[in-house]
Amino acid sequence: MFPILKFYTYESAHFFIHYHKEVEEIVVTVSEIADSVYEDLVKFFGFEVGKINLVILDAYDFSNGFSTPFYERTIYIFLQNPHADFYFGFGSMKSWLELVITHELAHIFHLEYPHKFWNIPISEGFRKNFGRLPSPVAFPNILDPGWQMEGLAVYLESKGGYGRLNSGHYRNMLLAYIRGNRFS
């Protein structure tokens, strides 16, 4: 993906953190935040998902993240430090890291949910025997509507006092939609 960057791996309690030398100084902070968020989400969801790959990368001119439970549980965090105008109430860089890790990890937990049909763990059995294919049999929650998946992640990212639900920017956007009769 990035032939110029040489990646290293740091193992924490719940993550394999893959990083390049340019972001080495933040690996321990990311590890502490990620493990803490993982423990919080275990309490919220009531189950563990196992080790997760967490790739931190500073190679773009934007800050974001994405995750996938397919093939291997993996979260990508693009570490371009968000400037003050971007924060929209997120707070500090540390709180931004907590927010984005929480958001993406919530997707992993949501999609990994151990469904049972007639008390038989069909999705877990499918993943064990056929791999982590992007299939509704392996991951039934991929059939959930996008608003539900994103809504859960935004709710969980906002529980710490930061995040979009606690941001004046998003509150004002919502009010503007309501006032303009563009909210359905």
N, C-alpha and C. Protein backbone atom coordinates (compact mmCIF):
# COMPACT_ATOMS: atom_id res chain seq x y z
N MET A 1 0.82 -1.19 0.00
CA MET A 1 0.00 0.00 0.00
C MET A 1 0.86 1.26 0.00
N PHE A 2 1.86 1.31 0.87
CA PHE A 2 2.78 2.43 0.94
C PHE A 2 4.20 1.88 0.92
N PRO A 3 4.78 1.68 -0.25
CA PRO A 3 6.09 1.02 -0.32
C PRO A 3 7.22 1.80 0.35
N ILE A 4 7.06 3.11 0.54
CA ILE A 4 8.11 3.91 1.16
C ILE A 4 8.13 3.73 2.67
N LEU A 5 6.99 3.46 3.26
CA LEU A 5 6.88 3.34 4.70
C LEU A 5 7.21 1.93 5.16
N LYS A 6 8.04 1.84 6.18
CA LYS A 6 8.35 0.55 6.78
C LYS A 6 7.51 0.42 8.05
N PHE A 7 6.73 -0.63 8.13
CA PHE A 7 5.82 -0.80 9.26
C PHE A 7 6.40 -1.71 10.33
N TYR A 8 6.04 -1.41 11.57
CA TYR A 8 6.43 -2.18 12.74
C TYR A 8 5.14 -2.57 13.45
N THR A 9 5.22 -3.53 14.36
CA THR A 9 4.03 -3.97 15.10
C THR A 9 4.31 -3.92 16.59
N TYR A 10 3.36 -3.34 17.30
CA TYR A 10 3.39 -3.26 18.76
C TYR A 10 2.17 -4.04 19.23
N GLU A 11 2.35 -4.97 20.15
CA GLU A 11 1.23 -5.77 20.64
C GLU A 11 0.80 -5.26 22.00
N SER A 12 -0.50 -5.01 22.13
CA SER A 12 -1.08 -4.63 23.42
C SER A 12 -2.01 -5.75 23.86
N ALA A 13 -2.76 -5.52 24.91
CA ALA A 13 -3.64 -6.56 25.45
C ALA A 13 -4.68 -7.03 24.43
N HIS A 14 -5.20 -6.12 23.61
CA HIS A 14 -6.29 -6.47 22.70
C HIS A 14 -6.00 -6.14 21.23
N PHE A 15 -4.82 -5.59 20.94
CA PHE A 15 -4.55 -5.11 19.59
C PHE A 15 -3.15 -5.49 19.12
N PHE A 16 -3.04 -5.64 17.81
CA PHE A 16 -1.75 -5.61 17.12
C PHE A 16 -1.72 -4.24 16.45
N ILE A 17 -0.89 -3.34 16.94
CA ILE A 17 -0.85 -1.98 16.41
C ILE A 17 0.27 -1.89 15.40
N HIS A 18 -0.10 -1.63 14.15
CA HIS A 18 0.85 -1.53 13.05
C HIS A 18 1.08 -0.04 12.77
N TYR A 19 2.34 0.36 12.73
CA TYR A 19 2.66 1.78 12.60
C TYR A 19 3.96 1.93 11.82
N HIS A 20 4.20 3.14 11.32
CA HIS A 20 5.48 3.44 10.66
C HIS A 20 6.26 4.40 11.56
N LYS A 21 7.55 4.49 11.32
CA LYS A 21 8.47 5.22 12.20
C LYS A 21 8.02 6.65 12.48
N GLU A 22 7.39 7.29 11.51
CA GLU A 22 6.99 8.69 11.66
C GLU A 22 5.92 8.89 12.75
N VAL A 23 5.22 7.84 13.15
CA VAL A 23 4.19 7.98 14.19
C VAL A 23 4.54 7.18 15.44
N GLU A 24 5.79 6.76 15.54
CA GLU A 24 6.23 5.90 16.65
C GLU A 24 5.96 6.52 18.02
N GLU A 25 6.08 7.84 18.14
CA GLU A 25 5.94 8.48 19.46
C GLU A 25 4.52 8.42 20.01
N ILE A 26 3.54 8.10 19.18
CA ILE A 26 2.15 8.09 19.64
C ILE A 26 1.62 6.66 19.85
N VAL A 27 2.42 5.65 19.57
CA VAL A 27 1.97 4.25 19.65
C VAL A 27 1.51 3.87 21.05
N VAL A 28 2.26 4.22 22.07
CA VAL A 28 1.88 3.85 23.43
C VAL A 28 0.58 4.54 23.83
N THR A 29 0.42 5.80 23.46
CA THR A 29 -0.83 6.53 23.75
C THR A 29 -2.00 5.86 23.04
N VAL A 30 -1.84 5.53 21.78
CA VAL A 30 -2.89 4.84 21.03
C VAL A 30 -3.22 3.51 21.69
N SER A 31 -2.20 2.78 22.11
CA SER A 31 -2.39 1.48 22.76
C SER A 31 -3.21 1.63 24.04
N GLU A 32 -2.86 2.59 24.87
CA GLU A 32 -3.58 2.80 26.13
C GLU A 32 -5.04 3.18 25.88
N ILE A 33 -5.25 4.09 24.93
CA ILE A 33 -6.61 4.51 24.60
C ILE A 33 -7.41 3.32 24.05
N ALA A 34 -6.83 2.60 23.10
CA ALA A 34 -7.53 1.49 22.44
C ALA A 34 -7.90 0.39 23.43
N ASP A 35 -6.97 0.03 24.31
CA ASP A 35 -7.27 -1.02 25.29
C ASP A 35 -8.36 -0.57 26.27
N SER A 36 -8.32 0.69 26.68
CA SER A 36 -9.35 1.21 27.58
C SER A 36 -10.72 1.22 26.90
N VAL A 37 -10.78 1.67 25.65
CA VAL A 37 -12.04 1.69 24.90
C VAL A 37 -12.54 0.27 24.70
N TYR A 38 -11.65 -0.66 24.39
CA TYR A 38 -12.03 -2.06 24.21
C TYR A 38 -12.73 -2.58 25.46
N GLU A 39 -12.13 -2.33 26.63
CA GLU A 39 -12.72 -2.81 27.89
C GLU A 39 -14.10 -2.18 28.11
N ASP A 40 -14.25 -0.89 27.79
CA ASP A 40 -15.55 -0.23 27.93
C ASP A 40 -16.60 -0.87 27.01
N LEU A 41 -16.20 -1.19 25.79
CA LEU A 41 -17.15 -1.78 24.85
C LEU A 41 -17.47 -3.23 25.18
N VAL A 42 -16.54 -3.94 25.80
CA VAL A 42 -16.85 -5.29 26.28
C VAL A 42 -17.97 -5.21 27.32
N LYS A 43 -17.88 -4.24 28.21
CA LYS A 43 -18.94 -4.06 29.22
C LYS A 43 -20.26 -3.68 28.56
N PHE A 44 -20.21 -2.82 27.56
CA PHE A 44 -21.43 -2.36 26.89
C PHE A 44 -22.09 -3.49 26.11
N PHE A 45 -21.31 -4.21 25.30
CA PHE A 45 -21.87 -5.25 24.44
C PHE A 45 -22.03 -6.61 25.13
N GLY A 46 -21.21 -6.88 26.15
CA GLY A 46 -21.33 -8.12 26.88
C GLY A 46 -20.58 -9.30 26.28
N PHE A 47 -19.62 -9.05 25.41
CA PHE A 47 -18.79 -10.12 24.86
C PHE A 47 -17.48 -9.53 24.37
N GLU A 48 -16.48 -10.40 24.14
CA GLU A 48 -15.18 -9.98 23.61
C GLU A 48 -15.06 -10.41 22.17
N VAL A 49 -14.31 -9.65 21.38
CA VAL A 49 -14.14 -10.01 19.96
C VAL A 49 -12.78 -10.61 19.66
N GLY A 50 -11.84 -10.54 20.57
CA GLY A 50 -10.50 -11.07 20.31
C GLY A 50 -9.57 -9.97 19.80
N LYS A 51 -8.38 -10.38 19.41
CA LYS A 51 -7.35 -9.41 18.96
C LYS A 51 -7.77 -8.73 17.67
N ILE A 52 -7.42 -7.46 17.58
CA ILE A 52 -7.79 -6.62 16.44
C ILE A 52 -6.53 -5.96 15.91
N ASN A 53 -6.41 -5.91 14.58
CA ASN A 53 -5.34 -5.15 13.95
C ASN A 53 -5.73 -3.68 13.96
N LEU A 54 -4.83 -2.83 14.40
CA LEU A 54 -5.06 -1.39 14.41
C LEU A 54 -3.90 -0.74 13.67
N VAL A 55 -4.18 -0.20 12.51
CA VAL A 55 -3.16 0.42 11.67
C VAL A 55 -3.23 1.92 11.86
N ILE A 56 -2.13 2.52 12.33
CA ILE A 56 -2.10 3.98 12.43
C ILE A 56 -1.14 4.51 11.37
N LEU A 57 -1.60 5.52 10.70
CA LEU A 57 -0.92 5.97 9.50
C LEU A 57 -1.01 7.49 9.39
N ASP A 58 0.11 8.14 9.10
CA ASP A 58 0.10 9.57 8.82
C ASP A 58 0.69 9.76 7.43
N ALA A 59 -0.16 9.57 6.43
CA ALA A 59 0.29 9.68 5.05
C ALA A 59 -0.70 10.48 4.19
N TYR A 60 -1.71 11.05 4.82
CA TYR A 60 -2.73 11.80 4.10
C TYR A 60 -2.89 13.18 4.70
N ASP A 61 -3.62 14.04 4.02
CA ASP A 61 -3.88 15.38 4.51
C ASP A 61 -5.26 15.49 5.17
N PHE A 62 -5.73 14.42 5.75
CA PHE A 62 -7.00 14.45 6.47
C PHE A 62 -6.95 13.47 7.62
N SER A 63 -7.89 13.65 8.55
CA SER A 63 -8.00 12.79 9.72
C SER A 63 -9.28 11.98 9.59
N ASN A 64 -9.18 10.68 9.80
CA ASN A 64 -10.37 9.85 9.74
C ASN A 64 -10.01 8.44 10.15
N GLY A 65 -10.92 7.54 9.95
CA GLY A 65 -10.69 6.15 10.24
C GLY A 65 -11.74 5.30 9.56
N PHE A 66 -11.48 4.02 9.44
CA PHE A 66 -12.49 3.07 8.99
C PHE A 66 -12.14 1.71 9.56
N SER A 67 -13.11 0.83 9.56
CA SER A 67 -12.89 -0.49 10.13
C SER A 67 -13.61 -1.54 9.32
N THR A 68 -13.15 -2.77 9.46
CA THR A 68 -13.82 -3.91 8.84
C THR A 68 -13.59 -5.15 9.69
N PRO A 69 -14.65 -5.96 9.88
CA PRO A 69 -14.46 -7.22 10.57
C PRO A 69 -14.17 -8.36 9.59
N PHE A 70 -14.27 -8.07 8.29
CA PHE A 70 -14.15 -9.11 7.27
C PHE A 70 -12.69 -9.53 7.08
N TYR A 71 -12.50 -10.81 6.84
CA TYR A 71 -11.19 -11.45 6.64
C TYR A 71 -10.34 -11.37 7.91
N GLU A 72 -10.04 -10.19 8.38
CA GLU A 72 -9.38 -9.97 9.68
C GLU A 72 -9.99 -8.73 10.29
N ARG A 73 -10.16 -8.72 11.59
CA ARG A 73 -10.66 -7.52 12.26
C ARG A 73 -9.59 -6.44 12.15
N THR A 74 -9.91 -5.35 11.47
CA THR A 74 -8.91 -4.32 11.25
C THR A 74 -9.53 -2.93 11.35
N ILE A 75 -8.82 -2.05 12.03
CA ILE A 75 -9.19 -0.64 12.11
C ILE A 75 -8.03 0.16 11.54
N TYR A 76 -8.33 1.13 10.70
CA TYR A 76 -7.34 2.05 10.15
C TYR A 76 -7.62 3.44 10.72
N ILE A 77 -6.59 4.08 11.24
CA ILE A 77 -6.71 5.44 11.76
C ILE A 77 -5.72 6.31 10.99
N PHE A 78 -6.23 7.34 10.34
CA PHE A 78 -5.39 8.30 9.62
C PHE A 78 -5.09 9.44 10.58
N LEU A 79 -3.84 9.55 11.00
CA LEU A 79 -3.44 10.39 12.11
C LEU A 79 -3.15 11.85 11.79
N GLN A 80 -3.36 12.29 10.60
CA GLN A 80 -3.14 13.70 10.33
C GLN A 80 -3.83 14.50 11.41
N ASN A 81 -3.06 15.20 12.22
CA ASN A 81 -3.60 15.89 13.38
C ASN A 81 -4.69 16.86 12.96
N PRO A 82 -5.92 16.66 13.45
CA PRO A 82 -6.99 17.58 13.07
C PRO A 82 -6.72 18.97 13.62
N HIS A 83 -6.81 19.99 12.78
CA HIS A 83 -6.57 21.36 13.24
C HIS A 83 -7.80 21.87 13.99
N ALA A 84 -7.67 23.00 14.63
CA ALA A 84 -8.70 23.50 15.55
C ALA A 84 -10.06 23.64 14.88
N ASP A 85 -10.11 24.07 13.61
CA ASP A 85 -11.39 24.24 12.95
C ASP A 85 -12.10 22.92 12.71
N PHE A 86 -11.35 21.84 12.68
CA PHE A 86 -11.93 20.53 12.40
C PHE A 86 -12.55 19.89 13.64
N TYR A 87 -12.10 20.30 14.82
CA TYR A 87 -12.50 19.60 16.04
C TYR A 87 -14.00 19.52 16.25
N PHE A 88 -14.76 20.57 15.94
CA PHE A 88 -16.20 20.58 16.15
C PHE A 88 -16.56 20.03 17.53
N GLY A 89 -15.79 20.41 18.53
CA GLY A 89 -16.10 19.97 19.88
C GLY A 89 -15.43 18.68 20.29
N PHE A 90 -14.52 18.15 19.47
CA PHE A 90 -13.87 16.89 19.82
C PHE A 90 -12.88 17.08 20.96
N GLY A 91 -12.34 18.27 21.15
CA GLY A 91 -11.40 18.52 22.24
C GLY A 91 -9.97 18.43 21.78
N SER A 92 -9.14 17.71 22.51
CA SER A 92 -7.72 17.61 22.21
C SER A 92 -7.44 16.46 21.24
N MET A 93 -6.16 16.35 20.82
CA MET A 93 -5.77 15.24 19.95
C MET A 93 -6.04 13.92 20.65
N LYS A 94 -5.77 13.86 21.96
CA LYS A 94 -6.01 12.61 22.69
C LYS A 94 -7.50 12.27 22.68
N SER A 95 -8.35 13.26 22.90
CA SER A 95 -9.79 12.98 22.87
C SER A 95 -10.24 12.63 21.45
N TRP A 96 -9.60 13.24 20.43
CA TRP A 96 -9.94 12.87 19.05
C TRP A 96 -9.57 11.42 18.79
N LEU A 97 -8.40 10.99 19.26
CA LEU A 97 -8.01 9.59 19.10
C LEU A 97 -9.00 8.67 19.80
N GLU A 98 -9.41 9.03 21.01
CA GLU A 98 -10.38 8.21 21.73
C GLU A 98 -11.70 8.16 20.97
N LEU A 99 -12.11 9.28 20.42
CA LEU A 99 -13.36 9.34 19.66
C LEU A 99 -13.30 8.44 18.44
N VAL A 100 -12.27 8.56 17.63
CA VAL A 100 -12.22 7.80 16.38
C VAL A 100 -12.00 6.31 16.65
N ILE A 101 -11.22 5.98 17.66
CA ILE A 101 -11.03 4.57 18.01
C ILE A 101 -12.35 3.99 18.54
N THR A 102 -13.04 4.73 19.39
CA THR A 102 -14.33 4.27 19.90
C THR A 102 -15.32 4.04 18.76
N HIS A 103 -15.40 5.00 17.85
CA HIS A 103 -16.33 4.91 16.72
C HIS A 103 -16.06 3.67 15.89
N GLU A 104 -14.80 3.48 15.50
CA GLU A 104 -14.46 2.35 14.63
C GLU A 104 -14.55 1.01 15.37
N LEU A 105 -14.17 0.99 16.62
CA LEU A 105 -14.26 -0.24 17.40
C LEU A 105 -15.72 -0.62 17.65
N ALA A 106 -16.60 0.37 17.78
CA ALA A 106 -18.03 0.09 17.91
C ALA A 106 -18.55 -0.65 16.69
N HIS A 107 -18.06 -0.28 15.50
CA HIS A 107 -18.46 -1.01 14.28
C HIS A 107 -18.02 -2.47 14.35
N ILE A 108 -16.79 -2.70 14.81
CA ILE A 108 -16.29 -4.08 14.93
C ILE A 108 -17.19 -4.88 15.88
N PHE A 109 -17.44 -4.35 17.06
CA PHE A 109 -18.28 -5.06 18.03
C PHE A 109 -19.68 -5.29 17.49
N HIS A 110 -20.26 -4.28 16.87
CA HIS A 110 -21.62 -4.39 16.34
C HIS A 110 -21.71 -5.50 15.29
N LEU A 111 -20.75 -5.52 14.38
CA LEU A 111 -20.81 -6.52 13.31
C LEU A 111 -20.41 -7.92 13.78
N GLU A 112 -19.64 -7.99 14.86
CA GLU A 112 -19.21 -9.28 15.41
C GLU A 112 -20.23 -9.89 16.36
N TYR A 113 -21.32 -9.19 16.60
CA TYR A 113 -22.27 -9.65 17.62
C TYR A 113 -22.59 -11.13 17.44
N PRO A 114 -22.47 -11.94 18.50
CA PRO A 114 -22.65 -13.40 18.38
C PRO A 114 -24.12 -13.81 18.34
N HIS A 115 -24.72 -13.69 17.17
CA HIS A 115 -26.13 -14.07 16.99
C HIS A 115 -26.31 -15.57 17.18
N LYS A 116 -27.45 -15.91 17.73
CA LYS A 116 -27.83 -17.32 17.84
C LYS A 116 -29.24 -17.48 17.28
N PHE A 117 -29.45 -18.53 16.52
CA PHE A 117 -30.76 -18.87 16.01
C PHE A 117 -31.13 -20.22 16.61
N TRP A 118 -32.27 -20.27 17.29
CA TRP A 118 -32.68 -21.48 18.01
C TRP A 118 -31.57 -21.95 18.94
N ASN A 119 -30.89 -20.98 19.55
CA ASN A 119 -29.79 -21.23 20.50
C ASN A 119 -28.57 -21.89 19.85
N ILE A 120 -28.46 -21.78 18.54
CA ILE A 120 -27.30 -22.32 17.82
C ILE A 120 -26.48 -21.14 17.29
N PRO A 121 -25.19 -21.06 17.61
CA PRO A 121 -24.36 -19.94 17.14
C PRO A 121 -23.96 -20.10 15.67
N ILE A 122 -24.92 -19.86 14.78
CA ILE A 122 -24.71 -20.10 13.35
C ILE A 122 -23.61 -19.20 12.78
N SER A 123 -23.64 -17.90 13.10
CA SER A 123 -22.65 -16.99 12.52
C SER A 123 -21.24 -17.34 12.98
N GLU A 124 -21.09 -17.67 14.26
CA GLU A 124 -19.76 -18.05 14.77
C GLU A 124 -19.30 -19.35 14.12
N GLY A 125 -20.20 -20.31 13.97
CA GLY A 125 -19.85 -21.57 13.32
C GLY A 125 -19.46 -21.37 11.87
N PHE A 126 -20.19 -20.49 11.17
CA PHE A 126 -19.85 -20.20 9.78
C PHE A 126 -18.46 -19.59 9.68
N ARG A 127 -18.18 -18.59 10.54
CA ARG A 127 -16.85 -17.94 10.50
C ARG A 127 -15.75 -18.94 10.84
N LYS A 128 -16.01 -19.84 11.78
CA LYS A 128 -15.00 -20.82 12.18
C LYS A 128 -14.70 -21.80 11.04
N ASN A 129 -15.73 -22.21 10.31
CA ASN A 129 -15.55 -23.22 9.27
C ASN A 129 -15.24 -22.66 7.88
N PHE A 130 -15.75 -21.47 7.57
CA PHE A 130 -15.60 -20.93 6.22
C PHE A 130 -14.82 -19.63 6.17
N GLY A 131 -14.40 -19.12 7.31
CA GLY A 131 -13.64 -17.87 7.32
C GLY A 131 -14.53 -16.67 7.54
N ARG A 132 -13.90 -15.53 7.52
CA ARG A 132 -14.57 -14.28 7.85
C ARG A 132 -15.03 -13.56 6.58
N LEU A 133 -15.75 -14.28 5.74
CA LEU A 133 -16.24 -13.73 4.48
C LEU A 133 -17.32 -12.68 4.74
N PRO A 134 -17.39 -11.64 3.89
CA PRO A 134 -18.44 -10.63 4.07
C PRO A 134 -19.80 -11.19 3.65
N SER A 135 -20.38 -11.97 4.52
CA SER A 135 -21.64 -12.66 4.23
C SER A 135 -22.63 -12.40 5.35
N PRO A 136 -23.92 -12.27 5.02
CA PRO A 136 -24.93 -12.10 6.07
C PRO A 136 -25.03 -13.31 7.00
N VAL A 137 -24.56 -14.46 6.56
CA VAL A 137 -24.56 -15.62 7.44
C VAL A 137 -23.46 -15.46 8.49
N ALA A 138 -22.29 -14.98 8.07
CA ALA A 138 -21.17 -14.79 8.99
C ALA A 138 -21.36 -13.54 9.86
N PHE A 139 -21.94 -12.51 9.27
CA PHE A 139 -22.12 -11.23 9.96
C PHE A 139 -23.54 -10.71 9.71
N PRO A 140 -24.54 -11.23 10.43
CA PRO A 140 -25.92 -10.84 10.17
C PRO A 140 -26.18 -9.33 10.28
N ASN A 141 -25.40 -8.63 11.10
CA ASN A 141 -25.65 -7.19 11.28
C ASN A 141 -25.24 -6.34 10.08
N ILE A 142 -24.60 -6.93 9.07
CA ILE A 142 -24.31 -6.12 7.88
C ILE A 142 -25.61 -5.77 7.15
N LEU A 143 -26.69 -6.44 7.50
CA LEU A 143 -27.99 -6.12 6.90
C LEU A 143 -28.69 -4.97 7.62
N ASP A 144 -28.15 -4.53 8.75
CA ASP A 144 -28.73 -3.39 9.45
C ASP A 144 -28.62 -2.15 8.58
N PRO A 145 -29.59 -1.23 8.67
CA PRO A 145 -29.49 0.01 7.88
C PRO A 145 -28.30 0.85 8.33
N GLY A 146 -27.75 1.60 7.40
CA GLY A 146 -26.58 2.43 7.68
C GLY A 146 -26.79 3.40 8.82
N TRP A 147 -27.99 3.99 8.91
CA TRP A 147 -28.25 4.94 9.99
C TRP A 147 -28.15 4.27 11.34
N GLN A 148 -28.51 2.98 11.42
CA GLN A 148 -28.42 2.27 12.69
C GLN A 148 -26.96 1.99 13.05
N MET A 149 -26.17 1.56 12.07
CA MET A 149 -24.75 1.28 12.33
C MET A 149 -24.01 2.54 12.74
N GLU A 150 -24.21 3.62 11.97
CA GLU A 150 -23.52 4.87 12.28
C GLU A 150 -24.08 5.51 13.54
N GLY A 151 -25.39 5.39 13.76
CA GLY A 151 -26.00 5.96 14.95
C GLY A 151 -25.45 5.34 16.22
N LEU A 152 -25.28 4.02 16.22
CA LEU A 152 -24.71 3.35 17.39
C LEU A 152 -23.28 3.81 17.63
N ALA A 153 -22.47 3.89 16.56
CA ALA A 153 -21.08 4.32 16.69
C ALA A 153 -20.98 5.76 17.18
N VAL A 154 -21.84 6.65 16.66
CA VAL A 154 -21.84 8.06 17.10
C VAL A 154 -22.30 8.15 18.55
N TYR A 155 -23.30 7.37 18.94
CA TYR A 155 -23.75 7.36 20.33
C TYR A 155 -22.60 6.95 21.25
N LEU A 156 -21.89 5.87 20.90
CA LEU A 156 -20.81 5.38 21.76
C LEU A 156 -19.62 6.33 21.78
N GLU A 157 -19.31 6.97 20.65
CA GLU A 157 -18.20 7.93 20.63
C GLU A 157 -18.51 9.14 21.49
N SER A 158 -19.78 9.44 21.69
CA SER A 158 -20.19 10.65 22.40
C SER A 158 -20.38 10.44 23.90
N LYS A 159 -20.26 9.19 24.36
CA LYS A 159 -20.50 8.91 25.78
C LYS A 159 -19.46 9.55 26.70
N GLY A 160 -18.28 9.87 26.20
CA GLY A 160 -17.24 10.44 27.04
C GLY A 160 -17.29 11.95 27.17
N GLY A 161 -18.35 12.58 26.64
CA GLY A 161 -18.48 14.03 26.74
C GLY A 161 -18.00 14.75 25.49
N TYR A 162 -17.32 14.04 24.59
CA TYR A 162 -16.91 14.62 23.31
C TYR A 162 -17.81 14.04 22.24
N GLY A 163 -17.39 14.10 21.03
CA GLY A 163 -18.14 13.47 19.95
C GLY A 163 -19.24 14.34 19.41
N ARG A 164 -19.86 13.84 18.36
CA ARG A 164 -20.83 14.63 17.62
C ARG A 164 -22.09 14.96 18.41
N LEU A 165 -22.53 14.06 19.27
CA LEU A 165 -23.75 14.36 20.02
C LEU A 165 -23.55 15.47 21.05
N ASN A 166 -22.30 15.77 21.39
CA ASN A 166 -21.99 16.83 22.35
C ASN A 166 -21.43 18.08 21.68
N SER A 167 -21.50 18.12 20.37
CA SER A 167 -20.89 19.20 19.62
C SER A 167 -21.94 20.24 19.21
N GLY A 168 -21.64 21.49 19.48
CA GLY A 168 -22.52 22.57 19.05
C GLY A 168 -22.66 22.64 17.54
N HIS A 169 -21.61 22.29 16.83
CA HIS A 169 -21.65 22.32 15.36
C HIS A 169 -22.76 21.41 14.82
N TYR A 170 -22.80 20.19 15.28
CA TYR A 170 -23.81 19.24 14.79
C TYR A 170 -25.20 19.59 15.29
N ARG A 171 -25.28 20.11 16.51
CA ARG A 171 -26.58 20.55 17.04
C ARG A 171 -27.13 21.69 16.17
N ASN A 172 -26.28 22.62 15.78
CA ASN A 172 -26.71 23.73 14.93
C ASN A 172 -27.07 23.26 13.53
N MET A 173 -26.35 22.27 13.00
CA MET A 173 -26.72 21.72 11.69
C MET A 173 -28.10 21.09 11.75
N LEU A 174 -28.39 20.34 12.80
CA LEU A 174 -29.68 19.70 12.97
C LEU A 174 -30.79 20.75 13.06
N LEU A 175 -30.56 21.81 13.86
CA LEU A 175 -31.55 22.88 13.97
C LEU A 175 -31.79 23.57 12.64
N ALA A 176 -30.74 23.76 11.84
CA ALA A 176 -30.90 24.38 10.52
C ALA A 176 -31.75 23.50 9.61
N TYR A 177 -31.55 22.21 9.64
CA TYR A 177 -32.37 21.30 8.84
C TYR A 177 -33.83 21.36 9.28
N ILE A 178 -34.06 21.40 10.60
CA ILE A 178 -35.42 21.44 11.11
C ILE A 178 -36.10 22.75 10.70
N ARG A 179 -35.38 23.86 10.87
CA ARG A 179 -35.96 25.18 10.53
C ARG A 179 -36.24 25.30 9.04
N GLY A 180 -35.44 24.67 8.23
CA GLY A 180 -35.64 24.75 6.77
C GLY A 180 -36.57 23.68 6.23
N ASN A 181 -37.25 22.96 7.13
CA ASN A 181 -38.15 21.86 6.73
C ASN A 181 -37.45 20.83 5.85
N ARG A 182 -36.15 20.62 6.10
CA ARG A 182 -35.41 19.63 5.31
C ARG A 182 -35.11 18.38 6.14
N PHE A 183 -35.75 18.28 7.28
CA PHE A 183 -35.52 17.15 8.18
C PHE A 183 -36.67 16.18 8.05
N SER A 184 -36.39 14.96 7.69
CA SER A 184 -37.48 13.98 7.55
C SER A 184 -37.23 12.80 8.50
